[in-house]
Amino acid sequence: MNGVIAEDSWFDDDVTPALFKDELNAGTGDITLWINSPGGDCVAAAQIFNMLSEYPGKVTVKIDGLAASAASVIAMAGTEVWMSPVSMMMIHNPATVAWGDHAEMKKAMELLDAVRESIINAYVRKTGQSRAKLSHLMDAETWMDANKAVEFGFADDILFQKEEQGSEGENGDSGADRTENGTSDSVMFSRRAVNNALMNKLERHYGKTGKSVKDQTEITRMAAGGNGLSGQCYGNSSGMQGIGISGSAGTEGDDPCNGCFGAAENACQKCEKKKVNTNVTGRSADDLRERLNFIKKYI
């Protein structure tokens, strides 16, 4: 099976249930199905899945390139599923295009939920994983190499493994697919993982703030009209202890805005330097703008 899965084909270059049925019934006995497909129509894939499930002989599925989306559902019908060490499998949520009013949009959403549950049924049947875990993998649009697919139960074994790699060790573990610490040397990719990696880079680049957004909002509110301290620079510890509202409390010659906490800048008329208190890791307006510009580069 090589190509996009579709209900109908204009130029006979797609995999359709009708064409697949003709080839499946052309012979008898055990069969081997090679898959290299990016997926396609979910309903057409369901028909092919049912044909393979009802086939009287043994069905060996071998993935030599890609089994993505609907093609991964078809692979689950195999009595045995083998993956090439250079192949990939991808699972994700179904998608559609809808047009109309809110009622039509609601129907489309309900349809997607139903199709999603039917896809999970096929994955549960093969892998034995919980519906919650499979749902999480689909939400993340998960890409798996052969080792990870075997680990999760989507595949049974890997093609072209050497005989000595398949020999069992002292503890009964296969030595080929294990690292020194006994874990599988496998790879899995998801969009959610990329987003998390980006946020980790941002935190390492900028560091974490010592004050939460809620705390910073409270400081700004106090600076704007609380306790007779309006207009005072709240980053300056000496200013906090002073009485005046001009922000000039402290020893003579001190910068009234020295160490001003970033969240209180809008309340202090003298915070032109936009400094951040060294004792409180707040963010100035300039720092926040720089951070947003950094994020835009990766979005």
Foldseek 3Di string as FASTA:
>chain_A
DAEEEDCDDDVPRHHFLVVVVCVVPPDAAEDEAEDDYQYYDQVRLVSLLVVLLPHPHAYEYEYEAEQEESSLLSQLSHPAYEYAQHYKYKAAFDDDDWDDDPVRVVVVVVVSVVSRVVSLVSVCVQQVDDSVVVNVRRHQGKMWGRQVCCVRRSHVYYPPDDPQQQDADPVRDRNNQQDPVGDGPIDMDGNVVVVVVVVVVLCVVQNDFPDDPVRLVVVQVCCCDNDQQFQAQPQDPQRVPDDDNLLPGDDPPDDSNVQRDQSNQVRHPRCPVQHHHPVGRHAHPVRVVVSVVVVVVVD
